[in-house]
Amino acid sequence: MTPDFLLSSAILLVLVIDPFGNVPTVLAALDSVPAARRTIVVIRECIAAYVILLVFMFGGHAFLAWLHLSESALSIAGGVILFLIALRMVFRHPEGIFGDEPGTEPFLVPLAIPSIAGPSALATVMLLATRSPERIPALVLALTAAMAVTTLTLALAGRLQGVLGERGMRAVERLMGLVLTAIAIEMLLTGIRAFIASLAT
């Protein structure tokens, strides 16, 4: 286990999980949740995402093979979900981004999946584990560090909102919606390209 590998893996996972980009999504999802419960919900969702990422690190390929699912199918499905979420971020909906009933706490979807443990993060941990199976302990430590950064960032999302204000956060939300739309389309195209390539082989 080398410090350089541990640090580079942790930085890569933080960039892929993108906690700062998830701040508007978290705030929108927790909009109808009482303030006293928000930190608890964030920690719970981050723990769930951490466990899911660990499961995919150790057995992601076996799980997809067992369900007869390809990585292209995972990419296309994730792209569709993110695209629908992005539309509600850009074009503000009276029911909120996720259409939940007032007072409903998000559970697993959409915070743990696909916001934190999204298709890109799942694919990344599977790829790292496949390339360096002998370094699984280091990858677990790197993922733990990345999730600690993510949890801290998202737990402080309310303070970030206080600094930027409601209008500023709404502008950030719409901007992130535009970015998320591009990411969703790219995921769809990647999945479609992989599917077409599989037909040609």
N, C-alpha and C. Protein backbone atom coordinates (compact mmCIF):
# COMPACT_ATOMS: atom_id res chain seq x y z
N MET A 1 0.85 -1.20 0.00
CA MET A 1 0.00 0.00 0.00
C MET A 1 0.88 1.24 0.00
N THR A 2 0.86 2.02 -1.07
CA THR A 2 1.69 3.22 -1.16
C THR A 2 0.84 4.46 -0.91
N PRO A 3 1.43 5.47 -0.23
CA PRO A 3 0.67 6.71 0.04
C PRO A 3 0.22 7.40 -1.24
N ASP A 4 1.06 7.35 -2.28
CA ASP A 4 0.70 8.01 -3.54
C ASP A 4 -0.55 7.38 -4.16
N PHE A 5 -0.61 6.04 -4.15
CA PHE A 5 -1.78 5.35 -4.71
C PHE A 5 -3.02 5.67 -3.88
N LEU A 6 -2.87 5.67 -2.57
CA LEU A 6 -3.99 5.97 -1.68
C LEU A 6 -4.51 7.39 -1.92
N LEU A 7 -3.60 8.36 -2.00
CA LEU A 7 -3.99 9.76 -2.20
C LEU A 7 -4.62 9.96 -3.56
N SER A 8 -4.01 9.42 -4.61
CA SER A 8 -4.55 9.61 -5.95
C SER A 8 -5.92 8.95 -6.10
N SER A 9 -6.11 7.78 -5.48
CA SER A 9 -7.40 7.11 -5.55
C SER A 9 -8.47 7.90 -4.81
N ALA A 10 -8.11 8.44 -3.63
CA ALA A 10 -9.06 9.23 -2.85
C ALA A 10 -9.48 10.49 -3.61
N ILE A 11 -8.51 11.18 -4.23
CA ILE A 11 -8.82 12.39 -5.01
C ILE A 11 -9.71 12.04 -6.20
N LEU A 12 -9.38 10.95 -6.89
CA LEU A 12 -10.20 10.53 -8.03
C LEU A 12 -11.64 10.26 -7.60
N LEU A 13 -11.83 9.57 -6.47
CA LEU A 13 -13.17 9.24 -6.01
C LEU A 13 -13.94 10.49 -5.58
N VAL A 14 -13.25 11.46 -4.96
CA VAL A 14 -13.91 12.71 -4.59
C VAL A 14 -14.39 13.45 -5.83
N LEU A 15 -13.55 13.47 -6.88
CA LEU A 15 -13.93 14.15 -8.11
C LEU A 15 -15.11 13.46 -8.78
N VAL A 16 -15.12 12.12 -8.75
CA VAL A 16 -16.20 11.39 -9.40
C VAL A 16 -17.51 11.53 -8.61
N ILE A 17 -17.43 11.43 -7.28
CA ILE A 17 -18.63 11.57 -6.45
C ILE A 17 -19.16 13.01 -6.50
N ASP A 18 -18.24 13.99 -6.60
CA ASP A 18 -18.59 15.41 -6.76
C ASP A 18 -19.52 15.92 -5.66
N PRO A 19 -19.04 15.98 -4.41
CA PRO A 19 -19.90 16.46 -3.33
C PRO A 19 -20.35 17.91 -3.49
N PHE A 20 -19.47 18.76 -4.02
CA PHE A 20 -19.84 20.17 -4.19
C PHE A 20 -20.92 20.33 -5.25
N GLY A 21 -20.83 19.55 -6.31
CA GLY A 21 -21.87 19.60 -7.33
C GLY A 21 -23.20 19.06 -6.84
N ASN A 22 -23.17 18.23 -5.79
CA ASN A 22 -24.40 17.65 -5.26
C ASN A 22 -25.10 18.53 -4.23
N VAL A 23 -24.46 19.65 -3.85
CA VAL A 23 -25.07 20.52 -2.82
C VAL A 23 -26.46 21.02 -3.23
N PRO A 24 -26.65 21.56 -4.44
CA PRO A 24 -28.01 22.01 -4.80
C PRO A 24 -29.02 20.87 -4.81
N THR A 25 -28.61 19.68 -5.25
CA THR A 25 -29.52 18.54 -5.27
C THR A 25 -29.93 18.14 -3.87
N VAL A 26 -28.97 18.13 -2.95
CA VAL A 26 -29.26 17.77 -1.56
C VAL A 26 -30.20 18.79 -0.92
N LEU A 27 -29.94 20.06 -1.15
CA LEU A 27 -30.79 21.10 -0.58
C LEU A 27 -32.22 21.00 -1.12
N ALA A 28 -32.34 20.72 -2.40
CA ALA A 28 -33.67 20.59 -2.99
C ALA A 28 -34.40 19.37 -2.44
N ALA A 29 -33.67 18.26 -2.28
CA ALA A 29 -34.28 17.03 -1.78
C ALA A 29 -34.71 17.16 -0.32
N LEU A 30 -33.98 18.00 0.44
CA LEU A 30 -34.27 18.16 1.87
C LEU A 30 -35.12 19.39 2.16
N ASP A 31 -35.65 20.00 1.11
CA ASP A 31 -36.39 21.25 1.28
C ASP A 31 -37.59 21.10 2.22
N SER A 32 -38.28 19.96 2.16
CA SER A 32 -39.47 19.77 2.99
C SER A 32 -39.17 18.99 4.27
N VAL A 33 -37.90 18.70 4.52
CA VAL A 33 -37.50 17.96 5.73
C VAL A 33 -37.20 18.97 6.83
N PRO A 34 -37.68 18.74 8.06
CA PRO A 34 -37.38 19.65 9.17
C PRO A 34 -35.87 19.85 9.34
N ALA A 35 -35.47 21.08 9.69
CA ALA A 35 -34.05 21.42 9.79
C ALA A 35 -33.31 20.51 10.76
N ALA A 36 -33.97 20.12 11.83
CA ALA A 36 -33.33 19.28 12.84
C ALA A 36 -33.00 17.89 12.32
N ARG A 37 -33.67 17.46 11.26
CA ARG A 37 -33.48 16.12 10.72
C ARG A 37 -32.50 16.09 9.54
N ARG A 38 -32.16 17.23 8.99
CA ARG A 38 -31.42 17.24 7.73
C ARG A 38 -30.03 16.62 7.85
N THR A 39 -29.29 16.97 8.90
CA THR A 39 -27.95 16.40 9.06
C THR A 39 -28.02 14.90 9.24
N ILE A 40 -29.01 14.43 10.01
CA ILE A 40 -29.18 12.99 10.22
C ILE A 40 -29.46 12.29 8.90
N VAL A 41 -30.35 12.88 8.09
CA VAL A 41 -30.69 12.29 6.80
C VAL A 41 -29.46 12.25 5.89
N VAL A 42 -28.68 13.33 5.86
CA VAL A 42 -27.47 13.38 5.03
C VAL A 42 -26.50 12.28 5.44
N ILE A 43 -26.26 12.15 6.75
CA ILE A 43 -25.33 11.12 7.23
C ILE A 43 -25.84 9.73 6.88
N ARG A 44 -27.16 9.51 7.06
CA ARG A 44 -27.74 8.21 6.73
C ARG A 44 -27.58 7.88 5.25
N GLU A 45 -27.85 8.86 4.38
CA GLU A 45 -27.75 8.63 2.94
C GLU A 45 -26.29 8.41 2.52
N CYS A 46 -25.36 9.13 3.15
CA CYS A 46 -23.95 8.95 2.82
C CYS A 46 -23.45 7.57 3.26
N ILE A 47 -23.91 7.11 4.42
CA ILE A 47 -23.55 5.76 4.87
C ILE A 47 -24.10 4.72 3.90
N ALA A 48 -25.34 4.91 3.47
CA ALA A 48 -25.95 3.98 2.51
C ALA A 48 -25.16 3.97 1.21
N ALA A 49 -24.79 5.17 0.72
CA ALA A 49 -24.01 5.25 -0.52
C ALA A 49 -22.65 4.59 -0.35
N TYR A 50 -22.03 4.76 0.81
CA TYR A 50 -20.74 4.15 1.11
C TYR A 50 -20.82 2.62 1.05
N VAL A 51 -21.87 2.08 1.67
CA VAL A 51 -22.07 0.63 1.66
C VAL A 51 -22.30 0.12 0.23
N ILE A 52 -23.11 0.86 -0.54
CA ILE A 52 -23.39 0.46 -1.92
C ILE A 52 -22.11 0.47 -2.76
N LEU A 53 -21.28 1.49 -2.58
CA LEU A 53 -20.02 1.57 -3.32
C LEU A 53 -19.07 0.43 -2.93
N LEU A 54 -19.06 0.09 -1.64
CA LEU A 54 -18.24 -1.04 -1.20
C LEU A 54 -18.72 -2.34 -1.84
N VAL A 55 -20.04 -2.51 -1.89
CA VAL A 55 -20.60 -3.73 -2.49
C VAL A 55 -20.19 -3.83 -3.95
N PHE A 56 -20.26 -2.71 -4.68
CA PHE A 56 -19.88 -2.73 -6.09
C PHE A 56 -18.38 -2.89 -6.25
N MET A 57 -17.60 -2.40 -5.29
CA MET A 57 -16.15 -2.57 -5.36
C MET A 57 -15.78 -4.04 -5.26
N PHE A 58 -16.46 -4.76 -4.38
CA PHE A 58 -16.11 -6.16 -4.15
C PHE A 58 -16.85 -7.11 -5.10
N GLY A 59 -18.07 -6.75 -5.53
CA GLY A 59 -18.83 -7.72 -6.31
C GLY A 59 -19.68 -7.14 -7.41
N GLY A 60 -19.30 -5.96 -7.92
CA GLY A 60 -20.11 -5.30 -8.93
C GLY A 60 -20.24 -6.10 -10.21
N HIS A 61 -19.14 -6.60 -10.72
CA HIS A 61 -19.18 -7.35 -11.98
C HIS A 61 -19.99 -8.63 -11.82
N ALA A 62 -19.82 -9.32 -10.68
CA ALA A 62 -20.57 -10.56 -10.45
C ALA A 62 -22.07 -10.26 -10.36
N PHE A 63 -22.43 -9.12 -9.74
CA PHE A 63 -23.83 -8.75 -9.60
C PHE A 63 -24.47 -8.47 -10.95
N LEU A 64 -23.77 -7.72 -11.79
CA LEU A 64 -24.30 -7.41 -13.13
C LEU A 64 -24.42 -8.68 -13.97
N ALA A 65 -23.43 -9.57 -13.85
CA ALA A 65 -23.49 -10.82 -14.60
C ALA A 65 -24.64 -11.70 -14.12
N TRP A 66 -24.89 -11.71 -12.82
CA TRP A 66 -25.98 -12.52 -12.26
C TRP A 66 -27.33 -12.04 -12.77
N LEU A 67 -27.48 -10.71 -12.91
CA LEU A 67 -28.74 -10.15 -13.42
C LEU A 67 -28.76 -10.07 -14.95
N HIS A 68 -27.67 -10.50 -15.58
CA HIS A 68 -27.54 -10.42 -17.05
C HIS A 68 -27.67 -8.97 -17.52
N LEU A 69 -27.06 -8.05 -16.75
CA LEU A 69 -27.06 -6.64 -17.11
C LEU A 69 -25.68 -6.23 -17.57
N SER A 70 -25.64 -5.39 -18.58
CA SER A 70 -24.37 -4.88 -19.07
C SER A 70 -24.09 -3.51 -18.45
N GLU A 71 -22.83 -3.09 -18.53
CA GLU A 71 -22.48 -1.75 -18.04
C GLU A 71 -23.13 -0.67 -18.92
N SER A 72 -23.37 -0.99 -20.19
CA SER A 72 -24.05 -0.02 -21.06
C SER A 72 -25.49 0.20 -20.60
N ALA A 73 -26.16 -0.87 -20.14
CA ALA A 73 -27.52 -0.74 -19.62
C ALA A 73 -27.52 0.12 -18.36
N LEU A 74 -26.51 -0.07 -17.49
CA LEU A 74 -26.39 0.74 -16.28
C LEU A 74 -26.19 2.21 -16.63
N SER A 75 -25.36 2.46 -17.64
CA SER A 75 -25.10 3.83 -18.06
C SER A 75 -26.35 4.49 -18.64
N ILE A 76 -27.10 3.76 -19.47
CA ILE A 76 -28.31 4.32 -20.09
C ILE A 76 -29.37 4.59 -19.03
N ALA A 77 -29.57 3.64 -18.11
CA ALA A 77 -30.57 3.82 -17.06
C ALA A 77 -30.22 5.01 -16.16
N GLY A 78 -28.95 5.12 -15.79
CA GLY A 78 -28.53 6.24 -14.97
C GLY A 78 -28.70 7.57 -15.70
N GLY A 79 -28.41 7.57 -17.01
CA GLY A 79 -28.58 8.79 -17.79
C GLY A 79 -30.02 9.24 -17.87
N VAL A 80 -30.95 8.30 -18.01
CA VAL A 80 -32.37 8.64 -18.07
C VAL A 80 -32.82 9.27 -16.75
N ILE A 81 -32.43 8.65 -15.64
CA ILE A 81 -32.82 9.15 -14.32
C ILE A 81 -32.26 10.54 -14.09
N LEU A 82 -30.97 10.73 -14.38
CA LEU A 82 -30.36 12.03 -14.17
C LEU A 82 -30.98 13.09 -15.08
N PHE A 83 -31.35 12.70 -16.30
CA PHE A 83 -31.97 13.65 -17.23
C PHE A 83 -33.31 14.15 -16.69
N LEU A 84 -34.12 13.25 -16.15
CA LEU A 84 -35.41 13.65 -15.59
C LEU A 84 -35.22 14.57 -14.39
N ILE A 85 -34.22 14.26 -13.54
CA ILE A 85 -33.93 15.13 -12.39
C ILE A 85 -33.45 16.50 -12.87
N ALA A 86 -32.60 16.51 -13.90
CA ALA A 86 -32.06 17.76 -14.42
C ALA A 86 -33.16 18.66 -14.96
N LEU A 87 -34.14 18.08 -15.63
CA LEU A 87 -35.25 18.88 -16.16
C LEU A 87 -35.99 19.60 -15.05
N ARG A 88 -36.20 18.91 -13.93
CA ARG A 88 -36.90 19.54 -12.81
C ARG A 88 -36.03 20.59 -12.12
N MET A 89 -34.71 20.48 -12.26
CA MET A 89 -33.83 21.50 -11.70
C MET A 89 -33.85 22.76 -12.55
N VAL A 90 -33.85 22.58 -13.87
CA VAL A 90 -33.84 23.74 -14.78
C VAL A 90 -35.21 24.40 -14.81
N PHE A 91 -36.27 23.61 -14.96
CA PHE A 91 -37.63 24.13 -15.01
C PHE A 91 -38.30 23.80 -13.68
N ARG A 92 -38.24 24.74 -12.75
CA ARG A 92 -38.69 24.51 -11.39
C ARG A 92 -40.13 24.02 -11.37
N HIS A 93 -40.37 22.92 -10.65
CA HIS A 93 -41.68 22.27 -10.60
C HIS A 93 -42.32 22.54 -9.24
N PRO A 94 -43.65 22.80 -9.19
CA PRO A 94 -44.29 23.08 -7.89
C PRO A 94 -44.17 21.93 -6.90
N GLU A 95 -43.98 20.70 -7.38
CA GLU A 95 -43.85 19.56 -6.48
C GLU A 95 -42.41 19.32 -6.06
N GLY A 96 -41.50 20.20 -6.50
CA GLY A 96 -40.10 19.99 -6.17
C GLY A 96 -39.41 19.16 -7.23
N ILE A 97 -38.12 18.99 -7.07
CA ILE A 97 -37.32 18.29 -8.07
C ILE A 97 -37.72 16.83 -8.19
N PHE A 98 -38.04 16.21 -7.05
CA PHE A 98 -38.27 14.78 -7.06
C PHE A 98 -39.74 14.40 -6.91
N GLY A 99 -40.62 15.39 -6.86
CA GLY A 99 -42.04 15.09 -6.84
C GLY A 99 -42.51 14.40 -5.58
N ASP A 100 -41.79 14.55 -4.46
CA ASP A 100 -42.19 13.91 -3.21
C ASP A 100 -43.29 14.69 -2.53
N GLU A 101 -44.05 14.02 -1.70
CA GLU A 101 -45.05 14.69 -0.89
C GLU A 101 -44.37 15.58 0.14
N PRO A 102 -45.00 16.70 0.53
CA PRO A 102 -44.41 17.56 1.53
C PRO A 102 -44.12 16.79 2.81
N GLY A 103 -42.92 17.03 3.37
CA GLY A 103 -42.55 16.37 4.61
C GLY A 103 -41.93 14.99 4.41
N THR A 104 -41.84 14.52 3.17
CA THR A 104 -41.28 13.20 2.91
C THR A 104 -39.76 13.26 2.93
N GLU A 105 -39.15 12.35 3.67
CA GLU A 105 -37.70 12.26 3.71
C GLU A 105 -37.21 11.40 2.56
N PRO A 106 -36.16 11.84 1.85
CA PRO A 106 -35.59 10.97 0.82
C PRO A 106 -34.96 9.75 1.47
N PHE A 107 -35.13 8.59 0.86
CA PHE A 107 -34.54 7.37 1.38
C PHE A 107 -33.92 6.60 0.23
N LEU A 108 -32.60 6.51 0.23
CA LEU A 108 -31.80 5.86 -0.81
C LEU A 108 -31.88 6.62 -2.14
N VAL A 109 -33.07 6.74 -2.72
CA VAL A 109 -33.26 7.50 -3.95
C VAL A 109 -33.88 8.85 -3.58
N PRO A 110 -33.37 9.98 -4.05
CA PRO A 110 -32.33 10.13 -5.06
C PRO A 110 -30.96 10.52 -4.50
N LEU A 111 -30.80 10.58 -3.16
CA LEU A 111 -29.52 11.06 -2.63
C LEU A 111 -28.43 9.99 -2.66
N ALA A 112 -28.67 8.87 -1.98
CA ALA A 112 -27.65 7.81 -1.98
C ALA A 112 -27.40 7.33 -3.40
N ILE A 113 -28.50 7.09 -4.12
CA ILE A 113 -28.46 6.72 -5.54
C ILE A 113 -29.47 7.60 -6.27
N PRO A 114 -29.15 8.28 -7.36
CA PRO A 114 -27.87 8.27 -8.07
C PRO A 114 -26.99 9.48 -7.78
N SER A 115 -27.35 10.33 -6.79
CA SER A 115 -26.58 11.56 -6.58
C SER A 115 -25.16 11.28 -6.08
N ILE A 116 -25.04 10.46 -5.02
CA ILE A 116 -23.73 10.18 -4.44
C ILE A 116 -23.11 8.94 -5.10
N ALA A 117 -23.78 7.81 -4.96
CA ALA A 117 -23.31 6.57 -5.59
C ALA A 117 -23.96 6.45 -6.96
N GLY A 118 -23.56 7.32 -7.86
CA GLY A 118 -24.13 7.31 -9.21
C GLY A 118 -23.42 6.30 -10.10
N PRO A 119 -23.89 6.16 -11.34
CA PRO A 119 -23.27 5.21 -12.27
C PRO A 119 -21.78 5.43 -12.46
N SER A 120 -21.36 6.70 -12.51
CA SER A 120 -19.93 6.99 -12.70
C SER A 120 -19.12 6.51 -11.50
N ALA A 121 -19.61 6.77 -10.29
CA ALA A 121 -18.91 6.33 -9.09
C ALA A 121 -18.89 4.81 -8.99
N LEU A 122 -20.02 4.17 -9.30
CA LEU A 122 -20.09 2.70 -9.27
C LEU A 122 -19.12 2.10 -10.27
N ALA A 123 -19.10 2.65 -11.48
CA ALA A 123 -18.19 2.13 -12.51
C ALA A 123 -16.73 2.36 -12.12
N THR A 124 -16.45 3.50 -11.48
CA THR A 124 -15.07 3.82 -11.10
C THR A 124 -14.55 2.86 -10.05
N VAL A 125 -15.35 2.58 -9.01
CA VAL A 125 -14.87 1.66 -7.97
C VAL A 125 -14.69 0.25 -8.53
N MET A 126 -15.58 -0.16 -9.44
CA MET A 126 -15.42 -1.47 -10.07
C MET A 126 -14.15 -1.52 -10.91
N LEU A 127 -13.89 -0.43 -11.65
CA LEU A 127 -12.71 -0.38 -12.50
C LEU A 127 -11.43 -0.40 -11.68
N LEU A 128 -11.38 0.38 -10.59
CA LEU A 128 -10.20 0.41 -9.73
C LEU A 128 -9.94 -0.95 -9.11
N ALA A 129 -11.01 -1.60 -8.64
CA ALA A 129 -10.85 -2.91 -8.02
C ALA A 129 -10.40 -3.96 -9.04
N THR A 130 -10.89 -3.85 -10.28
CA THR A 130 -10.51 -4.82 -11.31
C THR A 130 -9.05 -4.64 -11.74
N ARG A 131 -8.62 -3.38 -11.83
CA ARG A 131 -7.25 -3.12 -12.27
C ARG A 131 -6.22 -3.46 -11.19
N SER A 132 -6.58 -3.24 -9.92
CA SER A 132 -5.62 -3.47 -8.83
C SER A 132 -6.26 -4.29 -7.71
N PRO A 133 -6.55 -5.56 -7.98
CA PRO A 133 -7.20 -6.38 -6.95
C PRO A 133 -6.33 -6.58 -5.71
N GLU A 134 -5.01 -6.48 -5.89
CA GLU A 134 -4.12 -6.65 -4.74
C GLU A 134 -4.10 -5.43 -3.82
N ARG A 135 -4.71 -4.33 -4.29
CA ARG A 135 -4.73 -3.09 -3.50
C ARG A 135 -6.11 -2.76 -2.97
N ILE A 136 -6.95 -3.76 -2.81
CA ILE A 136 -8.30 -3.54 -2.31
C ILE A 136 -8.31 -2.82 -0.96
N PRO A 137 -7.43 -3.22 0.02
CA PRO A 137 -7.42 -2.49 1.30
C PRO A 137 -7.17 -0.99 1.13
N ALA A 138 -6.24 -0.62 0.24
CA ALA A 138 -5.96 0.80 -0.01
C ALA A 138 -7.16 1.48 -0.65
N LEU A 139 -7.84 0.77 -1.55
CA LEU A 139 -9.02 1.34 -2.20
C LEU A 139 -10.15 1.56 -1.20
N VAL A 140 -10.29 0.66 -0.24
CA VAL A 140 -11.31 0.83 0.81
C VAL A 140 -10.99 2.07 1.64
N LEU A 141 -9.72 2.27 1.99
CA LEU A 141 -9.33 3.47 2.74
C LEU A 141 -9.57 4.73 1.92
N ALA A 142 -9.26 4.66 0.62
CA ALA A 142 -9.47 5.82 -0.25
C ALA A 142 -10.95 6.16 -0.35
N LEU A 143 -11.79 5.13 -0.49
CA LEU A 143 -13.23 5.36 -0.56
C LEU A 143 -13.75 5.93 0.76
N THR A 144 -13.22 5.44 1.88
CA THR A 144 -13.63 5.95 3.19
C THR A 144 -13.29 7.43 3.32
N ALA A 145 -12.08 7.81 2.89
CA ALA A 145 -11.68 9.21 2.95
C ALA A 145 -12.55 10.08 2.04
N ALA A 146 -12.84 9.59 0.84
CA ALA A 146 -13.68 10.35 -0.10
C ALA A 146 -15.08 10.54 0.45
N MET A 147 -15.63 9.50 1.08
CA MET A 147 -16.97 9.62 1.64
C MET A 147 -17.00 10.51 2.86
N ALA A 148 -15.89 10.57 3.61
CA ALA A 148 -15.83 11.49 4.75
C ALA A 148 -15.89 12.94 4.26
N VAL A 149 -15.16 13.23 3.18
CA VAL A 149 -15.20 14.58 2.59
C VAL A 149 -16.60 14.89 2.07
N THR A 150 -17.21 13.91 1.42
CA THR A 150 -18.56 14.09 0.88
C THR A 150 -19.57 14.35 1.98
N THR A 151 -19.51 13.55 3.04
CA THR A 151 -20.45 13.71 4.15
C THR A 151 -20.32 15.08 4.80
N LEU A 152 -19.08 15.52 5.03
CA LEU A 152 -18.86 16.83 5.65
C LEU A 152 -19.39 17.95 4.77
N THR A 153 -19.11 17.85 3.46
CA THR A 153 -19.56 18.89 2.53
C THR A 153 -21.08 18.98 2.48
N LEU A 154 -21.74 17.83 2.36
CA LEU A 154 -23.20 17.84 2.24
C LEU A 154 -23.88 18.19 3.56
N ALA A 155 -23.23 17.86 4.68
CA ALA A 155 -23.81 18.24 5.98
C ALA A 155 -23.77 19.75 6.18
N LEU A 156 -22.82 20.42 5.52
CA LEU A 156 -22.72 21.88 5.62
C LEU A 156 -23.43 22.59 4.48
N ALA A 157 -24.25 21.85 3.72
CA ALA A 157 -24.94 22.44 2.57
C ALA A 157 -25.82 23.62 2.97
N GLY A 158 -26.48 23.51 4.14
CA GLY A 158 -27.34 24.60 4.59
C GLY A 158 -26.58 25.88 4.82
N ARG A 159 -25.36 25.79 5.35
CA ARG A 159 -24.55 26.99 5.57
C ARG A 159 -24.12 27.61 4.25
N LEU A 160 -23.83 26.74 3.27
CA LEU A 160 -23.51 27.27 1.95
C LEU A 160 -24.69 28.03 1.37
N GLN A 161 -25.90 27.51 1.63
CA GLN A 161 -27.10 28.20 1.17
C GLN A 161 -27.24 29.54 1.86
N GLY A 162 -26.89 29.58 3.16
CA GLY A 162 -26.96 30.84 3.89
C GLY A 162 -26.01 31.88 3.34
N VAL A 163 -24.85 31.47 2.88
CA VAL A 163 -23.87 32.39 2.31
C VAL A 163 -24.33 32.92 0.96
N LEU A 164 -24.86 32.02 0.12
CA LEU A 164 -25.27 32.42 -1.23
C LEU A 164 -26.66 33.03 -1.29
N GLY A 165 -27.51 32.70 -0.32
CA GLY A 165 -28.89 33.19 -0.33
C GLY A 165 -29.78 32.32 -1.20
N GLU A 166 -31.11 32.51 -1.05
CA GLU A 166 -32.05 31.68 -1.79
C GLU A 166 -31.95 31.88 -3.30
N ARG A 167 -31.84 33.14 -3.73
CA ARG A 167 -31.75 33.40 -5.17
C ARG A 167 -30.44 32.87 -5.74
N GLY A 168 -29.37 33.01 -4.97
CA GLY A 168 -28.09 32.49 -5.42
C GLY A 168 -28.11 30.98 -5.55
N MET A 169 -28.74 30.29 -4.56
CA MET A 169 -28.82 28.84 -4.62
C MET A 169 -29.72 28.39 -5.76
N ARG A 170 -30.79 29.16 -6.04
CA ARG A 170 -31.67 28.81 -7.16
C ARG A 170 -30.92 28.94 -8.48
N ALA A 171 -30.08 29.99 -8.58
CA ALA A 171 -29.28 30.14 -9.78
C ALA A 171 -28.28 28.99 -9.92
N VAL A 172 -27.66 28.61 -8.79
CA VAL A 172 -26.72 27.48 -8.81
C VAL A 172 -27.46 26.20 -9.18
N GLU A 173 -28.67 26.05 -8.64
CA GLU A 173 -29.47 24.86 -8.93
C GLU A 173 -29.75 24.73 -10.42
N ARG A 174 -30.14 25.85 -11.04
CA ARG A 174 -30.42 25.80 -12.48
C ARG A 174 -29.15 25.58 -13.29
N LEU A 175 -28.06 26.22 -12.85
CA LEU A 175 -26.79 26.01 -13.54
C LEU A 175 -26.37 24.55 -13.46
N MET A 176 -26.50 23.96 -12.26
CA MET A 176 -26.14 22.56 -12.09
C MET A 176 -27.10 21.67 -12.88
N GLY A 177 -28.34 22.12 -13.04
CA GLY A 177 -29.29 21.38 -13.85
C GLY A 177 -28.84 21.31 -15.30
N LEU A 178 -28.31 22.44 -15.80
CA LEU A 178 -27.78 22.46 -17.16
C LEU A 178 -26.58 21.53 -17.30
N VAL A 179 -25.69 21.59 -16.30
CA VAL A 179 -24.52 20.72 -16.33
C VAL A 179 -24.95 19.26 -16.23
N LEU A 180 -25.92 19.00 -15.35
CA LEU A 180 -26.40 17.64 -15.16
C LEU A 180 -27.06 17.10 -16.42
N THR A 181 -27.73 17.99 -17.15
CA THR A 181 -28.34 17.58 -18.41
C THR A 181 -27.26 17.10 -19.39
N ALA A 182 -26.17 17.86 -19.48
CA ALA A 182 -25.07 17.47 -20.36
C ALA A 182 -24.46 16.14 -19.92
N ILE A 183 -24.30 15.96 -18.59
CA ILE A 183 -23.74 14.71 -18.08
C ILE A 183 -24.67 13.55 -18.41
N ALA A 184 -25.98 13.77 -18.23
CA ALA A 184 -26.96 12.71 -18.50
C ALA A 184 -26.94 12.31 -19.97
N ILE A 185 -26.86 13.31 -20.86
CA ILE A 185 -26.81 13.00 -22.29
C ILE A 185 -25.53 12.25 -22.64
N GLU A 186 -24.41 12.66 -22.02
CA GLU A 186 -23.15 11.97 -22.27
C GLU A 186 -23.21 10.53 -21.79
N MET A 187 -23.85 10.30 -20.65
CA MET A 187 -24.01 8.94 -20.15
C MET A 187 -24.87 8.11 -21.10
N LEU A 188 -25.94 8.71 -21.59
CA LEU A 188 -26.79 8.01 -22.56
C LEU A 188 -26.02 7.66 -23.83
N LEU A 189 -25.27 8.63 -24.35
CA LEU A 189 -24.50 8.39 -25.57
C LEU A 189 -23.42 7.32 -25.35
N THR A 190 -22.78 7.37 -24.17
CA THR A 190 -21.76 6.36 -23.87
C THR A 190 -22.38 4.96 -23.82
N GLY A 191 -23.55 4.86 -23.17
CA GLY A 191 -24.22 3.58 -23.10
C GLY A 191 -24.66 3.08 -24.47
N ILE A 192 -25.18 4.01 -25.29
CA ILE A 192 -25.63 3.64 -26.64
C ILE A 192 -24.46 3.21 -27.50
N ARG A 193 -23.33 3.96 -27.41
CA ARG A 193 -22.15 3.59 -28.19
C ARG A 193 -21.63 2.21 -27.78
N ALA A 194 -21.61 1.95 -26.46
CA ALA A 194 -21.14 0.65 -25.97
C ALA A 194 -22.07 -0.47 -26.45
N PHE A 195 -23.38 -0.19 -26.48
CA PHE A 195 -24.33 -1.20 -26.93
C PHE A 195 -24.15 -1.49 -28.41
N ILE A 196 -23.98 -0.43 -29.22
CA ILE A 196 -23.77 -0.63 -30.67
C ILE A 196 -22.48 -1.39 -30.93
N ALA A 197 -21.43 -1.04 -30.15
CA ALA A 197 -20.15 -1.73 -30.32
C ALA A 197 -20.27 -3.21 -29.97
N SER A 198 -21.12 -3.53 -28.97
CA SER A 198 -21.29 -4.94 -28.60
C SER A 198 -22.02 -5.71 -29.68
N LEU A 199 -22.89 -5.02 -30.43
CA LEU A 199 -23.59 -5.69 -31.53
C LEU A 199 -22.66 -6.01 -32.68
N ALA A 200 -21.64 -5.15 -32.85
CA ALA A 200 -20.71 -5.33 -33.97
C ALA A 200 -19.71 -6.44 -33.72
N THR A 201 -19.54 -6.84 -32.45
CA THR A 201 -18.55 -7.87 -32.15
C THR A 201 -19.16 -9.26 -32.19
